[in-house]
Amino acid sequence: MEKNNKKQAGKRSYGSQFLKKHSMNRRGDKAIYVRKEYHKRLSRIVQVIGGGNIPLYAYLDNILKHHFELFSEDIVADFYKMNKPLF
């Protein structure tokens, strides 16, 4: 499954997949914390590949969307393994 999705993603450039315009028109209501080194990398990617045309929060949202699409079945399966029925 993962290889197949990577092949499909390979048909598009990284920028067209993750550094695209986004429906979010402002930051979300929650703050998140990332390692300083990751923040530097993410900011640099947005500046260089994205040409500064997409905010960092939209880039992160695109990455998370892709992650959940790739791993949703695994996440749900693990969730149900760990979440015991009430009755």
C-alpha atoms as a PDB file:
ATOM      1  CA  MET A   1       0.000   0.000   0.000  1.00  0.00           C
ATOM      2  CA  GLU A   2       2.702   2.482   0.999  1.00  0.00           C
ATOM      3  CA  LYS A   3       4.804   1.823  -2.127  1.00  0.00           C
ATOM      4  CA  ASN A   4       1.767   2.296  -4.359  1.00  0.00           C
ATOM      5  CA  ASN A   5       0.935   5.636  -2.762  1.00  0.00           C
ATOM      6  CA  LYS A   6       4.555   6.725  -3.049  1.00  0.00           C
ATOM      7  CA  LYS A   7       4.507   5.894  -6.763  1.00  0.00           C
ATOM      8  CA  GLN A   8       1.332   7.917  -7.207  1.00  0.00           C
ATOM      9  CA  ALA A   9       2.841  10.777  -5.267  1.00  0.00           C
ATOM     10  CA  GLY A  10       5.976  10.485  -7.408  1.00  0.00           C
ATOM     11  CA  LYS A  11       3.967  11.445 -10.485  1.00  0.00           C
ATOM     12  CA  ARG A  12       3.444  14.896  -8.990  1.00  0.00           C
ATOM     13  CA  SER A  13       6.173  17.165  -7.786  1.00  0.00           C
ATOM     14  CA  TYR A  14       6.609  17.599  -4.079  1.00  0.00           C
ATOM     15  CA  GLY A  15       5.671  21.248  -4.338  1.00  0.00           C
ATOM     16  CA  SER A  16       2.470  20.586  -6.253  1.00  0.00           C
ATOM     17  CA  GLN A  17       1.433  18.034  -3.664  1.00  0.00           C
ATOM     18  CA  PHE A  18       2.260  19.822  -0.424  1.00  0.00           C
ATOM     19  CA  LEU A  19       2.967  23.462  -1.227  1.00  0.00           C
ATOM     20  CA  LYS A  20      -0.323  24.280  -2.890  1.00  0.00           C
ATOM     21  CA  LYS A  21      -2.938  26.870  -2.116  1.00  0.00           C
ATOM     22  CA  HIS A  22      -5.064  25.900   0.775  1.00  0.00           C
ATOM     23  CA  SER A  23      -8.643  26.349   1.878  1.00  0.00           C
ATOM     24  CA  MET A  24      -7.590  27.559   5.315  1.00  0.00           C
ATOM     25  CA  ASN A  25      -7.792  31.321   5.355  1.00  0.00           C
ATOM     26  CA  ARG A  26      -6.176  31.773   8.754  1.00  0.00           C
ATOM     27  CA  ARG A  27      -4.282  29.882  11.376  1.00  0.00           C
ATOM     28  CA  GLY A  28      -6.113  27.309  13.417  1.00  0.00           C
ATOM     29  CA  ASP A  29      -7.145  27.808  16.993  1.00  0.00           C
ATOM     30  CA  LYS A  30      -4.449  25.571  18.447  1.00  0.00           C
ATOM     31  CA  ALA A  31      -0.712  25.973  18.739  1.00  0.00           C
ATOM     32  CA  ILE A  32       1.620  23.052  18.145  1.00  0.00           C
ATOM     33  CA  TYR A  33       5.256  22.688  19.009  1.00  0.00           C
ATOM     34  CA  VAL A  34       7.906  21.201  16.752  1.00  0.00           C
ATOM     35  CA  ARG A  35      11.602  20.696  17.223  1.00  0.00           C
ATOM     36  CA  LYS A  36      13.666  23.757  16.407  1.00  0.00           C
ATOM     37  CA  GLU A  37      15.533  21.846  13.683  1.00  0.00           C
ATOM     38  CA  TYR A  38      12.230  20.778  12.046  1.00  0.00           C
ATOM     39  CA  HIS A  39      10.878  24.297  12.180  1.00  0.00           C
ATOM     40  CA  LYS A  40      13.988  25.551  10.378  1.00  0.00           C
ATOM     41  CA  ARG A  41      13.646  22.863   7.700  1.00  0.00           C
ATOM     42  CA  LEU A  42       9.921  23.393   7.222  1.00  0.00           C
ATOM     43  CA  SER A  43      10.325  27.162   7.021  1.00  0.00           C
ATOM     44  CA  ARG A  44      13.118  26.817   4.486  1.00  0.00           C
ATOM     45  CA  ILE A  45      11.049  24.441   2.320  1.00  0.00           C
ATOM     46  CA  VAL A  46       8.144  26.892   2.346  1.00  0.00           C
ATOM     47  CA  GLN A  47      10.459  29.777   1.437  1.00  0.00           C
ATOM     48  CA  VAL A  48      12.428  28.059  -1.309  1.00  0.00           C
ATOM     49  CA  ILE A  49      10.185  25.451  -2.939  1.00  0.00           C
ATOM     50  CA  GLY A  50       6.957  27.250  -2.106  1.00  0.00           C
ATOM     51  CA  GLY A  51       8.334  30.614  -3.097  1.00  0.00           C
ATOM     52  CA  GLY A  52       6.950  32.089   0.114  1.00  0.00           C
ATOM     53  CA  ASN A  53       3.438  31.802  -1.337  1.00  0.00           C
ATOM     54  CA  ILE A  54       2.018  29.446   1.274  1.00  0.00           C
ATOM     55  CA  PRO A  55       2.000  29.902   5.034  1.00  0.00           C
ATOM     56  CA  LEU A  56       3.724  27.321   7.194  1.00  0.00           C
ATOM     57  CA  TYR A  57       0.449  26.259   8.850  1.00  0.00           C
ATOM     58  CA  ALA A  58      -1.079  25.410   5.453  1.00  0.00           C
ATOM     59  CA  TYR A  59       2.000  23.371   4.481  1.00  0.00           C
ATOM     60  CA  LEU A  60       1.769  21.412   7.744  1.00  0.00           C
ATOM     61  CA  ASP A  61      -1.946  20.872   7.209  1.00  0.00           C
ATOM     62  CA  ASN A  62      -1.240  19.434   3.738  1.00  0.00           C
ATOM     63  CA  ILE A  63       1.396  17.103   5.189  1.00  0.00           C
ATOM     64  CA  LEU A  64      -0.993  15.893   7.905  1.00  0.00           C
ATOM     65  CA  LYS A  65      -3.810  15.386   5.399  1.00  0.00           C
ATOM     66  CA  HIS A  66      -1.522  13.181   3.293  1.00  0.00           C
ATOM     67  CA  HIS A  67      -0.336  11.270   6.382  1.00  0.00           C
ATOM     68  CA  PHE A  68      -3.900  10.497   7.471  1.00  0.00           C
ATOM     69  CA  GLU A  69      -4.835   9.421   3.934  1.00  0.00           C
ATOM     70  CA  LEU A  70      -1.851   7.058   3.811  1.00  0.00           C
ATOM     71  CA  PHE A  71      -2.227   5.573   7.262  1.00  0.00           C
ATOM     72  CA  SER A  72      -5.932   5.864   8.107  1.00  0.00           C
ATOM     73  CA  GLU A  73      -6.544   2.108   7.974  1.00  0.00           C
ATOM     74  CA  ASP A  74      -3.565   1.391  10.237  1.00  0.00           C
ATOM     75  CA  ILE A  75      -4.550   4.148  12.660  1.00  0.00           C
ATOM     76  CA  VAL A  76      -8.134   2.893  12.908  1.00  0.00           C
ATOM     77  CA  ALA A  77      -6.985  -0.724  13.363  1.00  0.00           C
ATOM     78  CA  ASP A  78      -4.565   0.227  16.148  1.00  0.00           C
ATOM     79  CA  PHE A  79      -7.175   2.454  17.749  1.00  0.00           C
ATOM     80  CA  TYR A  80      -9.676  -0.391  17.937  1.00  0.00           C
ATOM     81  CA  LYS A  81      -7.019  -2.740  19.351  1.00  0.00           C
ATOM     82  CA  MET A  82      -6.324  -0.283  22.163  1.00  0.00           C
ATOM     83  CA  ASN A  83      -9.885   0.902  22.776  1.00  0.00           C
ATOM     84  CA  LYS A  84     -11.837  -1.800  24.575  1.00  0.00           C
ATOM     85  CA  PRO A  85     -15.627  -1.786  24.151  1.00  0.00           C
ATOM     86  CA  LEU A  86     -17.538  -0.384  27.109  1.00  0.00           C
ATOM     87  CA  PHE A  87     -20.086  -3.249  27.133  1.00  0.00           C
END
